[in-house]
Amino acid sequence: MSITHNIKELAQPVVESYGYFLLEVTIVPKGRKECWIVIDHETKGVDVDDCSKISKELALLMEAHESLDDAYILNVTSPGLDRPLSDPRQFSKNKGRSVKIELLDSEDASSEPIEVHGILKEYTEEGVKLTIANGKKVEELPLIPHTIIQHVYVTPSF
């Protein structure tokens, strides 16, 4: 099994014990070795104090299981706005927020993605629904199937 897989198995129960879910484990091998644990919550943001507690608990487990051979920096963090939504629980949490969806161009796979901006209305197993403002009128777009969605990002509202 891979190092990442082993760390995921150690991290999952720790992260869940604090009410979060695990999104990703990444090892950055260049320079000083880093291990990134990305977590999220179904209904609220990620608390910095919880990240610290999870990090301390997970560091002890990783040391005990000798998960990484060399010295490393362990980082427990929220996904941030620059990371696309990837888990259905993230879509539920962000319902009603502004999003940018990058769509694959079925005509030209090498072209830049097509961007659609709107308010996340619904997430289903089949796809995503958005509402968009068209002048003073608000319109609901037809279901956008997952098969043509490359990425979905939450866009901040100021």
Protein backbone atom coordinates (compact mmCIF):
# COMPACT_ATOMS: atom_id res chain seq x y z
CA MET A 1 0.00 0.00 0.00
CA SER A 2 1.12 3.57 -0.63
CA ILE A 3 2.22 6.01 2.06
CA THR A 4 -0.73 8.26 1.18
CA HIS A 5 -3.17 5.37 1.60
CA ASN A 6 -1.69 4.46 5.00
CA ILE A 7 -1.93 8.05 6.20
CA LYS A 8 -5.55 8.26 4.98
CA GLU A 9 -6.39 5.19 7.04
CA LEU A 10 -4.82 6.77 10.14
CA ALA A 11 -6.32 10.21 9.50
CA GLN A 12 -9.91 9.21 8.67
CA PRO A 13 -11.03 8.20 12.20
CA VAL A 14 -9.20 11.12 13.83
CA VAL A 15 -10.76 13.66 11.45
CA GLU A 16 -14.23 12.11 11.86
CA SER A 17 -13.93 12.16 15.67
CA TYR A 18 -13.87 15.98 15.44
CA GLY A 19 -16.95 16.05 13.16
CA TYR A 20 -15.10 16.63 9.88
CA PHE A 21 -14.55 14.54 6.77
CA LEU A 22 -11.28 13.86 4.98
CA LEU A 23 -10.97 15.28 1.47
CA GLU A 24 -7.37 14.63 0.56
CA VAL A 25 -3.93 13.55 1.74
CA THR A 26 -0.98 14.84 -0.26
CA ILE A 27 2.74 14.26 0.24
CA VAL A 28 5.03 16.97 -1.15
CA PRO A 29 8.42 15.27 -1.54
CA LYS A 30 10.49 18.21 -2.84
CA GLY A 31 12.62 20.30 -0.47
CA ARG A 32 11.37 19.86 3.06
CA LYS A 33 8.92 16.99 3.06
CA GLU A 34 5.34 18.07 3.75
CA CYS A 35 2.17 16.09 4.41
CA TRP A 36 -1.07 17.97 3.71
CA ILE A 37 -4.34 16.75 5.24
CA VAL A 38 -7.34 18.59 3.76
CA ILE A 39 -10.56 18.39 5.78
CA ASP A 40 -14.03 19.92 5.60
CA HIS A 41 -17.30 19.98 7.52
CA GLU A 42 -20.79 19.29 6.19
CA THR A 43 -22.43 22.43 7.54
CA LYS A 44 -19.82 24.90 8.80
CA GLY A 45 -16.28 26.10 8.21
CA VAL A 46 -13.13 24.42 9.48
CA ASP A 47 -12.00 25.66 12.91
CA VAL A 48 -8.28 26.48 13.24
CA ASP A 49 -8.17 25.12 16.80
CA ASP A 50 -9.62 21.82 15.56
CA CYS A 51 -6.94 21.68 12.84
CA SER A 52 -4.29 22.08 15.52
CA LYS A 53 -5.80 19.32 17.69
CA ILE A 54 -6.16 16.96 14.73
CA SER A 55 -2.58 17.70 13.69
CA LYS A 56 -1.17 16.89 17.14
CA GLU A 57 -3.17 13.69 17.45
CA LEU A 58 -2.37 12.56 13.93
CA ALA A 59 1.34 13.37 14.30
CA LEU A 60 1.53 11.01 17.29
CA LEU A 61 -0.25 8.25 15.35
CA MET A 62 1.96 8.71 12.31
CA GLU A 63 5.10 8.55 14.47
CA ALA A 64 3.87 5.42 16.24
CA HIS A 65 3.11 3.74 12.89
CA GLU A 66 6.29 5.10 11.26
CA SER A 67 4.19 6.42 8.38
CA LEU A 68 6.96 8.60 6.93
CA ASP A 69 10.64 7.66 6.94
CA ASP A 70 12.08 11.19 6.98
CA ALA A 71 11.27 14.33 8.92
CA TYR A 72 8.21 16.11 7.58
CA ILE A 73 5.89 19.02 8.26
CA LEU A 74 2.28 18.01 8.91
CA ASN A 75 -0.35 20.51 7.75
CA VAL A 76 -4.06 20.08 8.52
CA THR A 77 -6.15 22.61 6.63
CA SER A 78 -9.50 23.51 5.09
CA PRO A 79 -9.89 23.27 1.32
CA GLY A 80 -9.80 27.03 0.74
CA LEU A 81 -11.39 28.91 -2.14
CA ASP A 82 -8.72 27.93 -4.65
CA ARG A 83 -9.60 24.23 -4.38
CA PRO A 84 -12.58 22.96 -6.39
CA LEU A 85 -15.52 21.28 -4.68
CA SER A 86 -15.02 17.52 -4.89
CA ASP A 87 -17.30 15.85 -2.35
CA PRO A 88 -21.12 15.88 -2.47
CA ARG A 89 -21.18 17.14 1.14
CA GLN A 90 -19.36 20.27 0.01
CA PHE A 91 -22.06 21.01 -2.55
CA SER A 92 -24.82 20.70 0.06
CA LYS A 93 -22.94 23.05 2.40
CA ASN A 94 -22.47 25.65 -0.35
CA LYS A 95 -26.04 25.63 -1.67
CA GLY A 96 -27.13 29.24 -2.26
CA ARG A 97 -23.58 30.53 -2.74
CA SER A 98 -21.99 31.96 -5.88
CA VAL A 99 -20.00 29.43 -7.87
CA LYS A 100 -17.96 29.23 -11.05
CA ILE A 101 -18.29 26.01 -13.03
CA GLU A 102 -15.66 25.09 -15.60
CA LEU A 103 -17.24 23.01 -18.35
CA LEU A 104 -15.41 20.75 -20.76
CA ASP A 105 -15.78 21.71 -24.40
CA SER A 106 -17.08 18.58 -26.12
CA GLU A 107 -16.08 20.00 -29.51
CA ASP A 108 -12.42 20.67 -28.60
CA ALA A 109 -10.96 18.82 -25.60
CA SER A 110 -7.73 20.83 -25.79
CA SER A 111 -9.48 24.22 -25.49
CA GLU A 112 -9.88 26.26 -22.34
CA PRO A 113 -12.88 25.27 -20.20
CA ILE A 114 -16.11 27.20 -20.64
CA GLU A 115 -16.99 29.15 -17.49
CA VAL A 116 -20.51 29.49 -16.12
CA HIS A 117 -21.18 31.69 -13.08
CA GLY A 118 -24.28 31.47 -10.94
CA ILE A 119 -25.83 30.53 -7.62
CA LEU A 120 -25.65 26.87 -6.64
CA LYS A 121 -29.25 25.73 -6.44
CA GLU A 122 -29.04 21.94 -6.33
CA TYR A 123 -26.62 19.03 -6.46
CA THR A 124 -27.80 15.56 -7.52
CA GLU A 125 -26.16 12.33 -8.61
CA GLU A 126 -26.83 13.41 -12.19
CA GLY A 127 -25.50 16.96 -12.06
CA VAL A 128 -25.70 20.50 -10.76
CA LYS A 129 -28.38 23.19 -11.10
CA LEU A 130 -27.62 26.90 -11.07
CA THR A 131 -29.64 30.07 -11.10
CA ILE A 132 -28.26 33.09 -12.91
CA ALA A 133 -29.20 36.74 -12.93
CA ASN A 134 -30.09 37.92 -16.40
CA GLY A 135 -30.62 41.61 -15.93
CA LYS A 136 -33.37 41.95 -13.33
CA LYS A 137 -34.65 38.46 -14.04
CA VAL A 138 -33.38 35.33 -12.27
CA GLU A 139 -33.31 32.19 -14.41
CA GLU A 140 -32.74 28.56 -13.53
CA LEU A 141 -30.38 26.81 -15.92
CA PRO A 142 -31.08 23.25 -17.03
CA LEU A 143 -29.24 20.51 -15.14
CA ILE A 144 -25.52 20.52 -15.92
CA PRO A 145 -24.41 16.87 -16.02
CA HIS A 146 -21.29 15.84 -14.08
CA THR A 147 -19.85 14.34 -17.27
CA ILE A 148 -19.13 17.82 -18.67
CA ILE A 149 -18.12 19.51 -15.41
CA GLN A 150 -14.37 19.88 -15.01
CA HIS A 151 -14.36 21.90 -11.76
CA VAL A 152 -16.71 23.83 -9.47
CA TYR A 153 -15.32 26.67 -7.34
CA VAL A 154 -17.05 28.78 -4.71
CA THR A 155 -16.60 32.45 -5.61
CA PRO A 156 -16.43 34.97 -2.78
CA SER A 157 -19.12 37.63 -2.53
CA PHE A 158 -17.94 41.02 -1.30
